[in-house]
Amino acid sequence: SALPEKKMIFKGLTVNKEEMNKLMLTPLIHYPVPGGAALITFEEAKVAQRIIEVREHTVELSCGEELEELDRCRVRVQAMPVEILLPSALEVRLTQSSRSILVSDLPSLGISKEALLDKLELFFSKTKNGGSEVESREFLDDSGQVVLTFTQDGVAEPLIEKGHVQVLIGKGKYEVKISPCMSGDIAHLQLQPSRCPRTVLLSGIPDVLSEESMRDALEIHFQKASRGGGEVDALAYVPAGRTGVAVFVEDTG
């Protein structure tokens, strides 16, 4: 498929009681970059627009060296807009696990993740603590939370109803939060094309310089106001014969 890969991050966003089930969708777009191309992001959108309107650019590769006119090397590159697909409508079907709990507000004890998981499993596997045999445990790196799954039904719900539990870890007691463990499936997703306002795709770049030298030459050329350029925020170059992937995140600037 010629469409860019779309990786999406779902983050729970609690504003008030009326919006406790609201989800915030943050796109993380993986955009394939072919060989002999570069992505250049300017600090100002109007600069990117100027570069795209000119379309064909002659780039000096001497990097400012004092060379005779006949010795100077120039290449022609084409500037094009970067089109990506963004979600415009999303329907997620949520399902609550009957045997799993989500443990959060975990203390910072300076121990490894495995050691923390061992201590949580030890505590929640005891019936006197309201638990039972633990079938699996998982540490969620993106949130610092833990998912515990029990082997039996009827264990998770009473713990969730408590909301908070005093957990004995080592010689200390710590209050952790117990929440339902929800899994989501995308039932419906609509995408719409969107243009990156500050980023330009440069194509047709020959493999005549080292990767670093070509990157420097492109940045020097396109940051010059006399050539329609401006301040460069980021530049990624992929030499001919190779492929790359650029990651686009939401522009909060």
Protein backbone atom coordinates (compact mmCIF):
# COMPACT_ATOMS: atom_id res chain seq x y z
CA SER A 1 0.00 0.00 0.00
CA ALA A 2 1.18 3.53 -0.77
CA LEU A 3 -0.60 4.93 2.27
CA PRO A 4 1.52 5.84 5.30
CA GLU A 5 1.33 3.61 8.34
CA LYS A 6 -0.82 5.07 11.10
CA LYS A 7 0.06 4.36 14.70
CA MET A 8 -2.33 5.82 17.26
CA ILE A 9 -1.97 6.44 20.94
CA PHE A 10 -5.06 6.45 23.16
CA LYS A 11 -4.85 8.37 26.44
CA GLY A 12 -7.61 8.51 29.04
CA LEU A 13 -8.51 12.13 29.78
CA THR A 14 -10.60 12.72 32.90
CA VAL A 15 -11.98 16.26 33.10
CA ASN A 16 -15.01 15.81 35.34
CA LYS A 17 -17.57 13.17 36.20
CA GLU A 18 -19.57 13.85 33.05
CA GLU A 19 -16.51 13.25 30.85
CA MET A 20 -14.87 10.31 32.61
CA ASN A 21 -15.25 8.09 29.53
CA LYS A 22 -13.72 10.62 27.15
CA LEU A 23 -10.69 9.52 25.12
CA MET A 24 -8.05 11.74 23.57
CA LEU A 25 -6.61 10.56 20.25
CA THR A 26 -3.05 11.60 19.46
CA PRO A 27 -1.93 10.61 15.95
CA LEU A 28 1.62 9.34 15.49
CA ILE A 29 2.13 9.11 11.73
CA HIS A 30 4.88 6.95 10.21
CA TYR A 31 5.64 8.38 6.77
CA PRO A 32 7.80 6.38 4.32
CA VAL A 33 10.64 8.36 2.74
CA PRO A 34 12.10 6.95 -0.51
CA GLY A 35 15.77 7.00 -1.40
CA GLY A 36 17.12 10.16 -2.98
CA ALA A 37 14.70 12.31 -1.00
CA ALA A 38 14.66 14.59 2.02
CA LEU A 39 12.07 16.03 4.37
CA ILE A 40 12.72 19.59 5.45
CA THR A 41 10.66 21.35 8.11
CA PHE A 42 10.79 25.13 8.35
CA GLU A 43 9.98 27.22 11.39
CA GLU A 44 7.39 29.16 9.38
CA ALA A 45 4.66 27.68 7.17
CA LYS A 46 4.89 30.54 4.66
CA VAL A 47 8.47 29.55 3.84
CA ALA A 48 7.44 25.97 3.08
CA GLN A 49 4.65 27.28 0.84
CA ARG A 50 7.11 29.44 -1.12
CA ILE A 51 9.46 26.50 -1.65
CA ILE A 52 6.58 24.32 -2.91
CA GLU A 53 5.31 27.01 -5.29
CA VAL A 54 8.72 27.31 -6.97
CA ARG A 55 8.78 23.49 -7.22
CA GLU A 56 12.19 23.03 -8.91
CA HIS A 57 15.30 24.23 -7.09
CA THR A 58 18.96 24.28 -8.12
CA VAL A 59 21.10 23.46 -5.09
CA GLU A 60 24.77 24.44 -4.90
CA LEU A 61 26.87 21.55 -3.58
CA SER A 62 30.17 23.37 -3.14
CA CYS A 63 29.04 24.27 0.39
CA GLY A 64 30.31 27.82 0.09
CA GLU A 65 33.83 26.94 -1.01
CA GLU A 66 35.61 29.44 -3.26
CA LEU A 67 35.58 27.52 -6.54
CA GLU A 68 35.71 28.58 -10.15
CA GLU A 69 32.31 28.73 -11.87
CA LEU A 70 33.07 25.65 -14.01
CA ASP A 71 34.09 23.64 -10.95
CA ARG A 72 30.89 24.25 -9.04
CA CYS A 73 28.51 21.32 -8.74
CA ARG A 74 24.77 21.90 -8.82
CA VAL A 75 21.81 19.53 -8.66
CA ARG A 76 18.15 20.09 -9.38
CA VAL A 77 15.62 18.85 -6.84
CA GLN A 78 11.83 18.95 -6.84
CA ALA A 79 9.82 20.28 -3.90
CA MET A 80 6.42 18.78 -3.14
CA PRO A 81 3.92 19.07 -0.29
CA VAL A 82 3.71 16.30 2.30
CA GLU A 83 0.24 14.76 2.40
CA ILE A 84 -0.69 12.50 5.32
CA LEU A 85 -3.89 10.81 6.46
CA LEU A 86 -5.37 11.87 9.79
CA PRO A 87 -8.37 10.37 11.62
CA SER A 88 -11.52 12.48 11.32
CA ALA A 89 -13.99 10.10 12.98
CA LEU A 90 -13.37 7.21 15.33
CA GLU A 91 -15.59 4.66 17.01
CA VAL A 92 -14.04 2.46 19.70
CA ARG A 93 -15.78 -0.53 21.25
CA LEU A 94 -14.64 -0.89 24.88
CA THR A 95 -14.81 -4.16 26.81
CA GLN A 96 -14.11 -4.58 30.52
CA SER A 97 -12.10 -7.63 31.51
CA SER A 98 -13.84 -9.77 34.14
CA ARG A 99 -10.60 -11.15 35.57
CA SER A 100 -8.16 -8.23 35.30
CA ILE A 101 -7.47 -5.09 37.31
CA LEU A 102 -5.43 -1.97 36.55
CA VAL A 103 -3.11 -0.96 39.39
CA SER A 104 -1.92 2.67 39.38
CA ASP A 105 -0.47 5.32 41.73
CA LEU A 106 2.42 2.93 42.31
CA PRO A 107 5.21 4.08 44.65
CA SER A 108 8.71 4.87 43.43
CA LEU A 109 10.79 2.37 45.37
CA GLY A 110 13.95 2.34 43.26
CA ILE A 111 13.52 -1.34 42.39
CA SER A 112 13.30 -3.07 39.02
CA LYS A 113 9.99 -3.58 37.21
CA GLU A 114 10.23 -7.34 37.70
CA ALA A 115 10.79 -6.93 41.43
CA LEU A 116 7.76 -4.63 41.67
CA LEU A 117 5.64 -7.11 39.71
CA ASP A 118 6.76 -9.91 42.03
CA LYS A 119 5.73 -7.94 45.11
CA LEU A 120 2.34 -7.01 43.64
CA GLU A 121 1.68 -10.60 42.60
CA LEU A 122 2.64 -11.82 46.05
CA PHE A 123 0.22 -9.39 47.71
CA PHE A 124 -2.74 -9.87 45.37
CA SER A 125 -2.41 -13.66 45.24
CA LYS A 126 -3.42 -13.89 48.91
CA THR A 127 -7.11 -14.37 49.70
CA LYS A 128 -6.79 -12.35 52.94
CA ASN A 129 -5.96 -9.33 50.76
CA GLY A 130 -9.02 -9.92 48.60
CA GLY A 131 -7.00 -11.55 45.84
CA SER A 132 -6.47 -14.98 44.33
CA GLU A 133 -3.97 -16.81 42.16
CA VAL A 134 -2.50 -14.44 39.57
CA GLU A 135 -2.43 -15.80 36.03
CA SER A 136 -0.39 -13.00 34.44
CA ARG A 137 1.01 -9.57 35.14
CA GLU A 138 2.10 -6.81 32.79
CA PHE A 139 3.87 -3.50 33.35
CA LEU A 140 2.62 -0.74 31.02
CA ASP A 141 5.70 1.31 30.18
CA ASP A 142 3.79 4.24 28.68
CA SER A 143 1.75 4.88 31.84
CA GLY A 144 3.70 3.21 34.65
CA GLN A 145 0.65 1.11 35.54
CA VAL A 146 0.30 -2.63 36.05
CA VAL A 147 -2.32 -5.06 34.75
CA LEU A 148 -2.94 -8.12 36.93
CA THR A 149 -5.09 -10.99 35.63
CA PHE A 150 -6.49 -13.59 38.02
CA THR A 151 -7.21 -17.24 37.21
CA GLN A 152 -10.73 -17.05 38.67
CA ASP A 153 -13.83 -14.94 38.07
CA GLY A 154 -15.28 -12.87 40.89
CA VAL A 155 -11.95 -11.61 42.23
CA ALA A 156 -11.43 -8.44 40.22
CA GLU A 157 -14.84 -6.81 40.80
CA PRO A 158 -14.65 -6.50 44.64
CA LEU A 159 -11.16 -5.02 44.37
CA ILE A 160 -12.35 -2.51 41.77
CA GLU A 161 -15.27 -1.51 44.01
CA LYS A 162 -12.83 -0.69 46.82
CA GLY A 163 -11.07 1.77 44.53
CA HIS A 164 -7.94 1.98 46.70
CA VAL A 165 -6.00 -0.71 48.54
CA GLN A 166 -3.20 -0.52 51.11
CA VAL A 167 -0.43 -2.72 49.71
CA LEU A 168 2.36 -4.06 51.92
CA ILE A 169 5.63 -3.90 49.98
CA GLY A 170 8.70 -4.76 51.99
CA LYS A 171 8.45 -2.91 55.30
CA GLY A 172 6.18 -0.15 54.02
CA LYS A 173 2.49 0.25 53.25
CA TYR A 174 1.45 2.11 50.14
CA GLU A 175 -1.99 3.04 48.86
CA VAL A 176 -2.54 2.08 45.23
CA LYS A 177 -5.51 2.71 42.99
CA ILE A 178 -7.52 -0.18 41.53
CA SER A 179 -9.43 0.45 38.31
CA PRO A 180 -11.22 -1.67 35.71
CA CYS A 181 -9.04 -3.01 32.91
CA MET A 182 -10.55 -1.95 29.60
CA SER A 183 -9.62 -3.21 26.15
CA GLY A 184 -10.66 -1.37 23.02
CA ASP A 185 -11.27 -2.39 19.43
CA ILE A 186 -11.60 0.13 16.61
CA ALA A 187 -15.07 -0.45 15.19
CA HIS A 188 -15.02 2.43 12.72
CA LEU A 189 -12.31 4.79 11.49
CA GLN A 190 -12.54 7.57 8.93
CA LEU A 191 -9.43 9.25 7.54
CA GLN A 192 -9.01 12.52 5.72
CA PRO A 193 -5.96 13.82 3.84
CA SER A 194 -4.08 16.64 5.49
CA ARG A 195 -1.10 18.68 4.34
CA CYS A 196 1.83 19.32 6.67
CA PRO A 197 2.04 23.13 6.66
CA ARG A 198 5.74 23.48 7.55
CA THR A 199 7.27 20.39 5.90
CA VAL A 200 8.41 19.92 2.30
CA LEU A 201 9.42 16.73 0.47
CA LEU A 202 12.50 17.14 -1.73
CA SER A 203 12.98 14.44 -4.37
CA GLY A 204 15.42 13.66 -7.18
CA ILE A 205 18.53 14.07 -5.01
CA PRO A 206 21.48 12.22 -6.62
CA ASP A 207 23.92 10.24 -4.50
CA VAL A 208 26.97 12.42 -5.15
CA LEU A 209 27.96 13.43 -1.61
CA SER A 210 28.23 11.74 1.75
CA GLU A 211 25.03 11.73 3.78
CA GLU A 212 26.24 14.42 6.18
CA SER A 213 27.61 16.67 3.42
CA MET A 214 24.39 16.45 1.40
CA ARG A 215 22.32 17.23 4.47
CA ASP A 216 24.48 20.28 5.18
CA ALA A 217 24.30 21.46 1.56
CA LEU A 218 20.50 21.20 1.52
CA GLU A 219 20.13 23.05 4.81
CA ILE A 220 22.53 25.82 3.73
CA HIS A 221 20.61 26.32 0.48
CA PHE A 222 17.09 26.30 1.91
CA GLN A 223 17.79 28.54 4.87
CA LYS A 224 18.86 31.42 2.61
CA ALA A 225 16.16 34.07 2.29
CA SER A 226 17.60 35.12 -1.10
CA ARG A 227 16.49 31.73 -2.45
CA GLY A 228 13.05 31.84 -0.89
CA GLY A 229 14.11 29.84 2.15
CA GLY A 230 14.06 30.48 5.86
CA GLU A 231 15.06 29.09 9.23
CA VAL A 232 15.16 25.27 9.12
CA ASP A 233 13.66 23.45 12.09
CA ALA A 234 14.56 19.89 11.03
CA LEU A 235 15.94 18.05 8.01
CA ALA A 236 16.08 14.32 7.27
CA TYR A 237 17.85 12.99 4.17
CA VAL A 238 17.70 9.43 2.78
CA PRO A 239 20.37 8.60 0.16
CA ALA A 240 19.46 6.83 -3.08
CA GLY A 241 19.22 3.06 -2.74
CA ARG A 242 17.89 3.24 0.81
CA THR A 243 14.53 3.90 2.43
CA GLY A 244 13.57 5.65 5.64
CA VAL A 245 10.58 6.35 7.86
CA ALA A 246 9.75 9.77 9.26
CA VAL A 247 7.55 10.13 12.34
CA PHE A 248 5.10 13.03 12.46
CA VAL A 249 3.60 14.14 15.76
CA GLU A 250 1.06 16.82 16.56
CA ASP A 251 2.43 20.35 16.14
CA THR A 252 1.76 22.07 19.46
CA GLY A 253 3.76 25.17 18.63
